[in-house]
């Protein structure tokens, strides 16, 4: 219980709670829009924002938010250009972002290596009070936007042509969603790490989609799953000394495996009962 008396752990738990509230919302839309790899691209490109902040002596979170916002807009533009081959835009920007990050890291002195490692793999020690407040504001914004624009986003997600016919600004909505996803990744990167932040956003929604068929049901179950993964991952990370992002991801994967196993068992039972009735 001593970990709850440490200020950095208190901030880490606060951040985890807030992340659990917004991750299933963004994750569900990313999955339904076939944009899970976009989140992965933004998380890798965000390293360039961190390296830029360390190079010019500015808080990396701010430069990170700026860089991922610009890349999110470019992603939507390239997706429109290569509409048939949308994965090209992902490959281009991911490689460009990683190349830029490596160049900026090379320009930094050796003292910046430790800071980059913290952003790469996550660190519960790096969570500041300012980041918790930023995450709180972001959670409020995403929650309000979901409540107000849930139906338009639902239409846009499943049928862009219908959304366009209905007069919805589909390009503006897509760009804003990409930017919001990028900013979220930039803010939560310090706790979970750049390499796994997209997985932590997508996995709770992916798991809950196997447990519920309704839109709101998936989000509510996803929040519970995210809470289980985030909080237990933090505790395990503190006790064992492992990176929090990797620990949280492994726990979520275990939950996914258990869910898949249980679903298959129930499916087998239903099939077996149906088979027996058919024989009768």
C-alpha atoms as a PDB file:
ATOM      1  CA  UNK A   1       0.000   0.000   0.000  1.00  0.00           C
ATOM      2  CA  UNK A   2       2.989   2.282   0.297  1.00  0.00           C
ATOM      3  CA  UNK A   3       2.880   3.073  -3.410  1.00  0.00           C
ATOM      4  CA  UNK A   4      -0.308   5.091  -2.904  1.00  0.00           C
ATOM      5  CA  UNK A   5       1.625   7.537  -0.720  1.00  0.00           C
ATOM      6  CA  UNK A   6       4.015   8.442  -3.542  1.00  0.00           C
ATOM      7  CA  UNK A   7       3.021  11.549  -5.469  1.00  0.00           C
ATOM      8  CA  UNK A   8       4.083  10.120  -8.839  1.00  0.00           C
ATOM      9  CA  UNK A   9       1.951   7.009  -8.275  1.00  0.00           C
ATOM     10  CA  UNK A  10      -1.064   9.105  -7.341  1.00  0.00           C
ATOM     11  CA  UNK A  11      -0.645  11.068 -10.569  1.00  0.00           C
ATOM     12  CA  UNK A  12      -0.146   7.833 -12.522  1.00  0.00           C
ATOM     13  CA  UNK A  13      -3.417   6.382 -11.174  1.00  0.00           C
ATOM     14  CA  UNK A  14      -5.248   9.617 -11.924  1.00  0.00           C
ATOM     15  CA  UNK A  15      -3.898   9.594 -15.470  1.00  0.00           C
ATOM     16  CA  UNK A  16      -4.804   5.903 -15.887  1.00  0.00           C
ATOM     17  CA  UNK A  17      -8.389   6.577 -14.819  1.00  0.00           C
ATOM     18  CA  UNK A  18      -8.718   9.375 -17.372  1.00  0.00           C
ATOM     19  CA  UNK A  19      -7.082   7.312 -20.130  1.00  0.00           C
ATOM     20  CA  UNK A  20      -9.535   4.492 -19.429  1.00  0.00           C
ATOM     21  CA  UNK A  21     -12.456   6.851 -20.033  1.00  0.00           C
ATOM     22  CA  UNK A  22     -11.344   8.064 -23.458  1.00  0.00           C
ATOM     23  CA  UNK A  23      -9.401   5.115 -24.920  1.00  0.00           C
ATOM     24  CA  UNK A  24     -12.483   2.956 -25.748  1.00  0.00           C
ATOM     25  CA  UNK A  25     -14.223   5.879 -27.466  1.00  0.00           C
ATOM     26  CA  UNK A  26     -11.312   6.683 -29.768  1.00  0.00           C
ATOM     27  CA  UNK A  27     -10.395   3.020 -30.145  1.00  0.00           C
ATOM     28  CA  UNK A  28     -13.874   1.994 -31.288  1.00  0.00           C
ATOM     29  CA  UNK A  29     -14.027   4.681 -33.974  1.00  0.00           C
ATOM     30  CA  UNK A  30     -10.500   3.828 -35.116  1.00  0.00           C
ATOM     31  CA  UNK A  31     -11.420   0.157 -35.497  1.00  0.00           C
ATOM     32  CA  UNK A  32     -14.706   0.820 -37.288  1.00  0.00           C
ATOM     33  CA  UNK A  33     -13.028   3.342 -39.625  1.00  0.00           C
ATOM     34  CA  UNK A  34     -10.253   0.806 -40.397  1.00  0.00           C
ATOM     35  CA  UNK A  35      -7.715   3.291 -39.006  1.00  0.00           C
ATOM     36  CA  UNK A  36      -6.013   1.286 -36.281  1.00  0.00           C
ATOM     37  CA  UNK A  37      -2.702   1.654 -38.132  1.00  0.00           C
ATOM     38  CA  UNK A  38      -3.208   5.417 -38.221  1.00  0.00           C
ATOM     39  CA  UNK A  39      -2.910   5.484 -34.442  1.00  0.00           C
ATOM     40  CA  UNK A  40       0.267   3.430 -34.721  1.00  0.00           C
ATOM     41  CA  UNK A  41       1.639   5.879 -37.280  1.00  0.00           C
ATOM     42  CA  UNK A  42       0.890   8.871 -35.065  1.00  0.00           C
ATOM     43  CA  UNK A  43       2.518   7.191 -32.076  1.00  0.00           C
ATOM     44  CA  UNK A  44       5.732   6.584 -34.035  1.00  0.00           C
ATOM     45  CA  UNK A  45       5.735  10.057 -35.576  1.00  0.00           C
ATOM     46  CA  UNK A  46       5.236  11.543 -32.113  1.00  0.00           C
ATOM     47  CA  UNK A  47       8.857  10.621 -31.359  1.00  0.00           C
ATOM     48  CA  UNK A  48       9.857  13.396 -33.746  1.00  0.00           C
ATOM     49  CA  UNK A  49       7.872  15.832 -31.621  1.00  0.00           C
ATOM     50  CA  UNK A  50       9.610  14.627 -28.476  1.00  0.00           C
ATOM     51  CA  UNK A  51      13.044  14.867 -30.087  1.00  0.00           C
ATOM     52  CA  UNK A  52      12.236  18.374 -31.348  1.00  0.00           C
ATOM     53  CA  UNK A  53      11.210  19.524 -27.868  1.00  0.00           C
ATOM     54  CA  UNK A  54      14.376  18.124 -26.316  1.00  0.00           C
ATOM     55  CA  UNK A  55      16.494  19.770 -29.030  1.00  0.00           C
ATOM     56  CA  UNK A  56      15.103  23.287 -28.634  1.00  0.00           C
ATOM     57  CA  UNK A  57      14.609  23.061 -24.873  1.00  0.00           C
ATOM     58  CA  UNK A  58      10.794  23.139 -24.852  1.00  0.00           C
ATOM     59  CA  UNK A  59       8.439  20.823 -22.981  1.00  0.00           C
ATOM     60  CA  UNK A  60       8.298  17.783 -25.328  1.00  0.00           C
ATOM     61  CA  UNK A  61       4.568  17.355 -24.735  1.00  0.00           C
ATOM     62  CA  UNK A  62       3.801  20.696 -26.414  1.00  0.00           C
ATOM     63  CA  UNK A  63       6.019  20.106 -29.445  1.00  0.00           C
ATOM     64  CA  UNK A  64       4.673  16.568 -29.619  1.00  0.00           C
ATOM     65  CA  UNK A  65       1.088  17.817 -29.786  1.00  0.00           C
ATOM     66  CA  UNK A  66       2.009  20.249 -32.547  1.00  0.00           C
ATOM     67  CA  UNK A  67       3.810  17.635 -34.648  1.00  0.00           C
ATOM     68  CA  UNK A  68       1.109  14.950 -34.386  1.00  0.00           C
ATOM     69  CA  UNK A  69      -1.599  17.522 -35.186  1.00  0.00           C
ATOM     70  CA  UNK A  70       0.214  18.454 -38.411  1.00  0.00           C
ATOM     71  CA  UNK A  71       0.809  14.801 -39.303  1.00  0.00           C
ATOM     72  CA  UNK A  72      -2.844  13.966 -38.595  1.00  0.00           C
ATOM     73  CA  UNK A  73      -3.900  16.599 -41.138  1.00  0.00           C
ATOM     74  CA  UNK A  74      -1.380  15.272 -43.674  1.00  0.00           C
ATOM     75  CA  UNK A  75      -2.718  11.755 -43.133  1.00  0.00           C
ATOM     76  CA  UNK A  76      -6.217  12.817 -44.101  1.00  0.00           C
ATOM     77  CA  UNK A  77      -4.891  14.682 -47.155  1.00  0.00           C
ATOM     78  CA  UNK A  78      -2.842  11.696 -48.365  1.00  0.00           C
ATOM     79  CA  UNK A  79      -5.768   9.372 -47.656  1.00  0.00           C
ATOM     80  CA  UNK A  80      -7.841  11.454 -50.080  1.00  0.00           C
ATOM     81  CA  UNK A  81      -5.053  11.462 -52.678  1.00  0.00           C
ATOM     82  CA  UNK A  82      -4.455   7.688 -52.435  1.00  0.00           C
ATOM     83  CA  UNK A  83      -8.086   6.753 -51.800  1.00  0.00           C
ATOM     84  CA  UNK A  84      -7.730   3.280 -53.295  1.00  0.00           C
ATOM     85  CA  UNK A  85      -4.376   2.598 -51.628  1.00  0.00           C
ATOM     86  CA  UNK A  86      -4.779   4.403 -48.307  1.00  0.00           C
ATOM     87  CA  UNK A  87      -2.041   2.327 -46.643  1.00  0.00           C
ATOM     88  CA  UNK A  88       0.520   4.235 -48.766  1.00  0.00           C
ATOM     89  CA  UNK A  89      -0.045   7.384 -46.711  1.00  0.00           C
ATOM     90  CA  UNK A  90       0.566   5.423 -43.519  1.00  0.00           C
ATOM     91  CA  UNK A  91       3.826   3.958 -44.840  1.00  0.00           C
ATOM     92  CA  UNK A  92       5.078   7.341 -46.088  1.00  0.00           C
ATOM     93  CA  UNK A  93       4.376   9.300 -42.915  1.00  0.00           C
ATOM     94  CA  UNK A  94       5.531   6.571 -40.543  1.00  0.00           C
ATOM     95  CA  UNK A  95       8.903   6.254 -42.272  1.00  0.00           C
ATOM     96  CA  UNK A  96       9.244  10.035 -42.612  1.00  0.00           C
ATOM     97  CA  UNK A  97       8.387  10.577 -38.944  1.00  0.00           C
ATOM     98  CA  UNK A  98      10.810   7.951 -37.716  1.00  0.00           C
ATOM     99  CA  UNK A  99      13.567   9.292 -39.969  1.00  0.00           C
ATOM    100  CA  UNK A 100      13.004  12.826 -38.671  1.00  0.00           C
ATOM    101  CA  UNK A 101      13.009  11.576 -35.073  1.00  0.00           C
ATOM    102  CA  UNK A 102      16.330   9.786 -35.583  1.00  0.00           C
ATOM    103  CA  UNK A 103      17.898  12.867 -37.185  1.00  0.00           C
ATOM    104  CA  UNK A 104      16.735  15.135 -34.353  1.00  0.00           C
ATOM    105  CA  UNK A 105      17.956  12.614 -31.778  1.00  0.00           C
ATOM    106  CA  UNK A 106      21.333  12.649 -33.496  1.00  0.00           C
ATOM    107  CA  UNK A 107      21.475  16.429 -33.159  1.00  0.00           C
ATOM    108  CA  UNK A 108      20.721  16.201 -29.440  1.00  0.00           C
ATOM    109  CA  UNK A 109      23.535  15.670 -26.991  1.00  0.00           C
ATOM    110  CA  UNK A 110      23.883  12.361 -25.145  1.00  0.00           C
ATOM    111  CA  UNK A 111      21.944  13.659 -22.130  1.00  0.00           C
ATOM    112  CA  UNK A 112      18.693  13.462 -24.079  1.00  0.00           C
ATOM    113  CA  UNK A 113      18.906   9.690 -24.544  1.00  0.00           C
ATOM    114  CA  UNK A 114      17.422   8.924 -21.129  1.00  0.00           C
ATOM    115  CA  UNK A 115      14.483  11.251 -21.768  1.00  0.00           C
ATOM    116  CA  UNK A 116      13.811   9.599 -25.136  1.00  0.00           C
ATOM    117  CA  UNK A 117      13.839   6.176 -23.504  1.00  0.00           C
ATOM    118  CA  UNK A 118      11.205   7.348 -21.025  1.00  0.00           C
ATOM    119  CA  UNK A 119       8.959   8.437 -23.902  1.00  0.00           C
ATOM    120  CA  UNK A 120       9.704   5.273 -25.867  1.00  0.00           C
ATOM    121  CA  UNK A 121       8.817   2.798 -23.140  1.00  0.00           C
ATOM    122  CA  UNK A 122       6.831   4.929 -20.684  1.00  0.00           C
ATOM    123  CA  UNK A 123       7.612   5.797 -17.095  1.00  0.00           C
ATOM    124  CA  UNK A 124       5.265   6.327 -14.165  1.00  0.00           C
ATOM    125  CA  UNK A 125       7.836   8.710 -12.674  1.00  0.00           C
ATOM    126  CA  UNK A 126       7.552  11.168 -15.577  1.00  0.00           C
ATOM    127  CA  UNK A 127       3.862  11.956 -15.040  1.00  0.00           C
ATOM    128  CA  UNK A 128       3.594  15.579 -13.946  1.00  0.00           C
ATOM    129  CA  UNK A 129       0.655  17.423 -12.430  1.00  0.00           C
ATOM    130  CA  UNK A 130       0.460  19.535 -15.583  1.00  0.00           C
ATOM    131  CA  UNK A 131       0.031  16.419 -17.727  1.00  0.00           C
ATOM    132  CA  UNK A 132      -2.759  15.146 -15.478  1.00  0.00           C
ATOM    133  CA  UNK A 133      -4.585  18.457 -15.892  1.00  0.00           C
ATOM    134  CA  UNK A 134      -4.048  18.337 -19.658  1.00  0.00           C
ATOM    135  CA  UNK A 135      -5.448  14.819 -19.704  1.00  0.00           C
ATOM    136  CA  UNK A 136      -8.453  15.924 -17.640  1.00  0.00           C
ATOM    137  CA  UNK A 137      -9.229  18.746 -20.083  1.00  0.00           C
ATOM    138  CA  UNK A 138      -8.814  16.339 -22.999  1.00  0.00           C
ATOM    139  CA  UNK A 139     -11.153  13.798 -21.362  1.00  0.00           C
ATOM    140  CA  UNK A 140     -13.822  16.462 -20.863  1.00  0.00           C
ATOM    141  CA  UNK A 141     -13.491  17.628 -24.482  1.00  0.00           C
ATOM    142  CA  UNK A 142     -13.685  14.104 -25.931  1.00  0.00           C
ATOM    143  CA  UNK A 143     -16.650  13.200 -23.708  1.00  0.00           C
ATOM    144  CA  UNK A 144     -18.575  16.323 -24.715  1.00  0.00           C
ATOM    145  CA  UNK A 145     -17.773  15.845 -28.408  1.00  0.00           C
ATOM    146  CA  UNK A 146     -18.939  12.243 -28.219  1.00  0.00           C
ATOM    147  CA  UNK A 147     -22.232  13.213 -26.617  1.00  0.00           C
ATOM    148  CA  UNK A 148     -22.875  16.001 -29.132  1.00  0.00           C
ATOM    149  CA  UNK A 149     -21.551  14.438 -32.350  1.00  0.00           C
ATOM    150  CA  UNK A 150     -22.181  10.755 -31.688  1.00  0.00           C
ATOM    151  CA  UNK A 151     -24.796  10.319 -34.417  1.00  0.00           C
ATOM    152  CA  UNK A 152     -22.923  12.274 -37.150  1.00  0.00           C
ATOM    153  CA  UNK A 153     -19.721  10.337 -36.371  1.00  0.00           C
ATOM    154  CA  UNK A 154     -21.714   7.093 -36.447  1.00  0.00           C
ATOM    155  CA  UNK A 155     -22.966   7.919 -39.951  1.00  0.00           C
ATOM    156  CA  UNK A 156     -19.511   9.053 -41.096  1.00  0.00           C
ATOM    157  CA  UNK A 157     -17.910   5.900 -39.750  1.00  0.00           C
ATOM    158  CA  UNK A 158     -20.180   3.442 -41.540  1.00  0.00           C
ATOM    159  CA  UNK A 159     -21.023   5.314 -44.740  1.00  0.00           C
ATOM    160  CA  UNK A 160     -19.136   8.432 -45.873  1.00  0.00           C
ATOM    161  CA  UNK A 161     -21.302   8.777 -48.993  1.00  0.00           C
ATOM    162  CA  UNK A 162     -24.472   8.929 -46.917  1.00  0.00           C
ATOM    163  CA  UNK A 163     -22.809  11.417 -44.568  1.00  0.00           C
ATOM    164  CA  UNK A 164     -21.838  13.591 -47.552  1.00  0.00           C
ATOM    165  CA  UNK A 165     -25.361  13.389 -48.977  1.00  0.00           C
ATOM    166  CA  UNK A 166     -26.756  14.415 -45.601  1.00  0.00           C
ATOM    167  CA  UNK A 167     -24.650  17.568 -45.762  1.00  0.00           C
ATOM    168  CA  UNK A 168     -22.121  16.624 -43.095  1.00  0.00           C
ATOM    169  CA  UNK A 169     -18.641  18.197 -43.424  1.00  0.00           C
ATOM    170  CA  UNK A 170     -16.944  14.817 -43.752  1.00  0.00           C
ATOM    171  CA  UNK A 171     -13.448  16.161 -44.470  1.00  0.00           C
ATOM    172  CA  UNK A 172     -13.532  18.557 -41.541  1.00  0.00           C
ATOM    173  CA  UNK A 173     -14.889  15.863 -39.225  1.00  0.00           C
ATOM    174  CA  UNK A 174     -12.234  13.360 -40.337  1.00  0.00           C
ATOM    175  CA  UNK A 175      -9.419  15.886 -39.891  1.00  0.00           C
ATOM    176  CA  UNK A 176     -10.642  16.910 -36.440  1.00  0.00           C
ATOM    177  CA  UNK A 177     -10.945  13.271 -35.385  1.00  0.00           C
ATOM    178  CA  UNK A 178      -7.400  12.578 -36.580  1.00  0.00           C
ATOM    179  CA  UNK A 179      -6.059  15.650 -34.778  1.00  0.00           C
ATOM    180  CA  UNK A 180      -7.897  14.740 -31.587  1.00  0.00           C
ATOM    181  CA  UNK A 181      -6.494  11.209 -31.748  1.00  0.00           C
ATOM    182  CA  UNK A 182      -2.990  12.584 -32.317  1.00  0.00           C
ATOM    183  CA  UNK A 183      -3.207  14.997 -29.404  1.00  0.00           C
ATOM    184  CA  UNK A 184      -4.484  12.199 -27.162  1.00  0.00           C
ATOM    185  CA  UNK A 185      -1.525  10.034 -28.135  1.00  0.00           C
ATOM    186  CA  UNK A 186       0.854  12.917 -27.434  1.00  0.00           C
ATOM    187  CA  UNK A 187      -0.581  13.513 -23.964  1.00  0.00           C
ATOM    188  CA  UNK A 188      -0.679   9.879 -22.779  1.00  0.00           C
ATOM    189  CA  UNK A 189       2.671   8.894 -24.311  1.00  0.00           C
ATOM    190  CA  UNK A 190       4.757   9.554 -21.155  1.00  0.00           C
ATOM    191  CA  UNK A 191       2.872   6.963 -19.108  1.00  0.00           C
ATOM    192  CA  UNK A 192       2.562   4.111 -21.631  1.00  0.00           C
ATOM    193  CA  UNK A 193       5.343   4.796 -24.130  1.00  0.00           C
ATOM    194  CA  UNK A 194       5.281   5.634 -27.835  1.00  0.00           C
ATOM    195  CA  UNK A 195       5.745   2.051 -28.990  1.00  0.00           C
ATOM    196  CA  UNK A 196       2.579   0.738 -27.321  1.00  0.00           C
ATOM    197  CA  UNK A 197       0.277   3.730 -26.895  1.00  0.00           C
ATOM    198  CA  UNK A 198      -1.797   2.890 -30.002  1.00  0.00           C
ATOM    199  CA  UNK A 199      -2.265  -0.686 -28.783  1.00  0.00           C
ATOM    200  CA  UNK A 200      -3.559   0.509 -25.416  1.00  0.00           C
ATOM    201  CA  UNK A 201      -6.056   2.768 -27.180  1.00  0.00           C
ATOM    202  CA  UNK A 202      -7.317   0.058 -29.549  1.00  0.00           C
ATOM    203  CA  UNK A 203      -7.245  -3.113 -27.394  1.00  0.00           C
ATOM    204  CA  UNK A 204     -10.031  -2.263 -24.863  1.00  0.00           C
ATOM    205  CA  UNK A 205     -12.449  -1.528 -27.703  1.00  0.00           C
ATOM    206  CA  UNK A 206     -11.341  -4.639 -29.611  1.00  0.00           C
ATOM    207  CA  UNK A 207     -11.990  -6.817 -26.551  1.00  0.00           C
ATOM    208  CA  UNK A 208     -15.338  -5.248 -25.698  1.00  0.00           C
ATOM    209  CA  UNK A 209     -16.564  -5.674 -29.289  1.00  0.00           C
ATOM    210  CA  UNK A 210     -16.575  -9.424 -28.626  1.00  0.00           C
ATOM    211  CA  UNK A 211     -18.733  -8.940 -25.542  1.00  0.00           C
ATOM    212  CA  UNK A 212     -21.358  -6.474 -26.726  1.00  0.00           C
ATOM    213  CA  UNK A 213     -23.189  -5.735 -29.963  1.00  0.00           C
ATOM    214  CA  UNK A 214     -24.448  -2.261 -29.087  1.00  0.00           C
ATOM    215  CA  UNK A 215     -22.386   0.883 -29.668  1.00  0.00           C
ATOM    216  CA  UNK A 216     -22.738   2.267 -26.136  1.00  0.00           C
ATOM    217  CA  UNK A 217     -22.331  -1.205 -24.660  1.00  0.00           C
ATOM    218  CA  UNK A 218     -18.958  -1.611 -26.356  1.00  0.00           C
ATOM    219  CA  UNK A 219     -17.773   1.713 -24.952  1.00  0.00           C
ATOM    220  CA  UNK A 220     -18.984   1.012 -21.403  1.00  0.00           C
ATOM    221  CA  UNK A 221     -17.457  -2.467 -21.308  1.00  0.00           C
ATOM    222  CA  UNK A 222     -14.329  -1.052 -22.915  1.00  0.00           C
ATOM    223  CA  UNK A 223     -13.991   1.469 -20.086  1.00  0.00           C
ATOM    224  CA  UNK A 224     -14.180  -1.330 -17.510  1.00  0.00           C
ATOM    225  CA  UNK A 225     -11.609  -3.394 -19.406  1.00  0.00           C
ATOM    226  CA  UNK A 226      -9.325  -0.394 -19.789  1.00  0.00           C
ATOM    227  CA  UNK A 227      -9.572   0.302 -16.061  1.00  0.00           C
ATOM    228  CA  UNK A 228      -8.652  -3.305 -15.244  1.00  0.00           C
ATOM    229  CA  UNK A 229      -5.698  -3.236 -17.623  1.00  0.00           C
ATOM    230  CA  UNK A 230      -4.405   0.212 -16.685  1.00  0.00           C
ATOM    231  CA  UNK A 231      -4.687  -0.065 -12.907  1.00  0.00           C
ATOM    232  CA  UNK A 232      -3.437  -3.648 -12.601  1.00  0.00           C
ATOM    233  CA  UNK A 233      -0.654  -2.846 -15.067  1.00  0.00           C
ATOM    234  CA  UNK A 234       0.490   0.100 -12.983  1.00  0.00           C
ATOM    235  CA  UNK A 235       0.511  -1.951  -9.795  1.00  0.00           C
ATOM    236  CA  UNK A 236       2.475  -4.747 -11.466  1.00  0.00           C
ATOM    237  CA  UNK A 237       4.859  -2.237 -13.028  1.00  0.00           C
ATOM    238  CA  UNK A 238       5.577  -0.662  -9.659  1.00  0.00           C
ATOM    239  CA  UNK A 239       6.021  -3.982  -7.876  1.00  0.00           C
ATOM    240  CA  UNK A 240       8.151  -5.716 -10.509  1.00  0.00           C
ATOM    241  CA  UNK A 241       9.906  -2.688 -11.996  1.00  0.00           C
ATOM    242  CA  UNK A 242       8.780  -3.292 -15.592  1.00  0.00           C
ATOM    243  CA  UNK A 243       7.807  -0.601 -18.140  1.00  0.00           C
ATOM    244  CA  UNK A 244       4.164   0.372 -17.528  1.00  0.00           C
ATOM    245  CA  UNK A 245       3.164   0.393 -21.205  1.00  0.00           C
ATOM    246  CA  UNK A 246       4.432  -3.126 -21.819  1.00  0.00           C
ATOM    247  CA  UNK A 247       2.893  -4.436 -18.589  1.00  0.00           C
ATOM    248  CA  UNK A 248      -0.508  -2.912 -19.345  1.00  0.00           C
ATOM    249  CA  UNK A 249      -0.413  -4.266 -22.890  1.00  0.00           C
ATOM    250  CA  UNK A 250       0.393  -7.805 -21.742  1.00  0.00           C
ATOM    251  CA  UNK A 251      -2.467  -7.736 -19.237  1.00  0.00           C
ATOM    252  CA  UNK A 252      -4.892  -6.540 -21.927  1.00  0.00           C
ATOM    253  CA  UNK A 253      -3.680  -9.295 -24.264  1.00  0.00           C
ATOM    254  CA  UNK A 254      -4.307 -11.864 -21.514  1.00  0.00           C
ATOM    255  CA  UNK A 255      -7.824 -10.446 -21.071  1.00  0.00           C
ATOM    256  CA  UNK A 256      -8.306 -10.689 -24.851  1.00  0.00           C
ATOM    257  CA  UNK A 257      -7.162 -14.326 -24.855  1.00  0.00           C
ATOM    258  CA  UNK A 258      -9.463 -15.213 -21.944  1.00  0.00           C
ATOM    259  CA  UNK A 259     -12.387 -13.490 -23.653  1.00  0.00           C
ATOM    260  CA  UNK A 260     -11.732 -15.312 -26.924  1.00  0.00           C
ATOM    261  CA  UNK A 261     -11.495 -18.649 -25.093  1.00  0.00           C
ATOM    262  CA  UNK A 262     -14.761 -18.103 -23.210  1.00  0.00           C
ATOM    263  CA  UNK A 263     -16.552 -17.026 -26.396  1.00  0.00           C
ATOM    264  CA  UNK A 264     -15.350 -20.146 -28.188  1.00  0.00           C
ATOM    265  CA  UNK A 265     -16.476 -22.355 -25.293  1.00  0.00           C
ATOM    266  CA  UNK A 266     -19.979 -20.848 -25.337  1.00  0.00           C
ATOM    267  CA  UNK A 267     -20.086 -21.168 -29.120  1.00  0.00           C
ATOM    268  CA  UNK A 268     -19.142 -24.842 -28.848  1.00  0.00           C
ATOM    269  CA  UNK A 269     -21.807 -25.439 -26.174  1.00  0.00           C
ATOM    270  CA  UNK A 270     -24.486 -23.801 -28.338  1.00  0.00           C
ATOM    271  CA  UNK A 271     -23.405 -25.813 -31.359  1.00  0.00           C
ATOM    272  CA  UNK A 272     -23.386 -29.039 -29.347  1.00  0.00           C
ATOM    273  CA  UNK A 273     -26.901 -28.395 -28.024  1.00  0.00           C
ATOM    274  CA  UNK A 274     -28.139 -27.600 -31.520  1.00  0.00           C
ATOM    275  CA  UNK A 275     -26.531 -30.800 -32.858  1.00  0.00           C
ATOM    276  CA  UNK A 276     -28.192 -32.931 -30.189  1.00  0.00           C
ATOM    277  CA  UNK A 277     -31.612 -31.371 -30.850  1.00  0.00           C
ATOM    278  CA  UNK A 278     -31.206 -31.976 -34.562  1.00  0.00           C
ATOM    279  CA  UNK A 279     -30.505 -35.671 -33.942  1.00  0.00           C
ATOM    280  CA  UNK A 280     -33.635 -35.955 -31.842  1.00  0.00           C
END
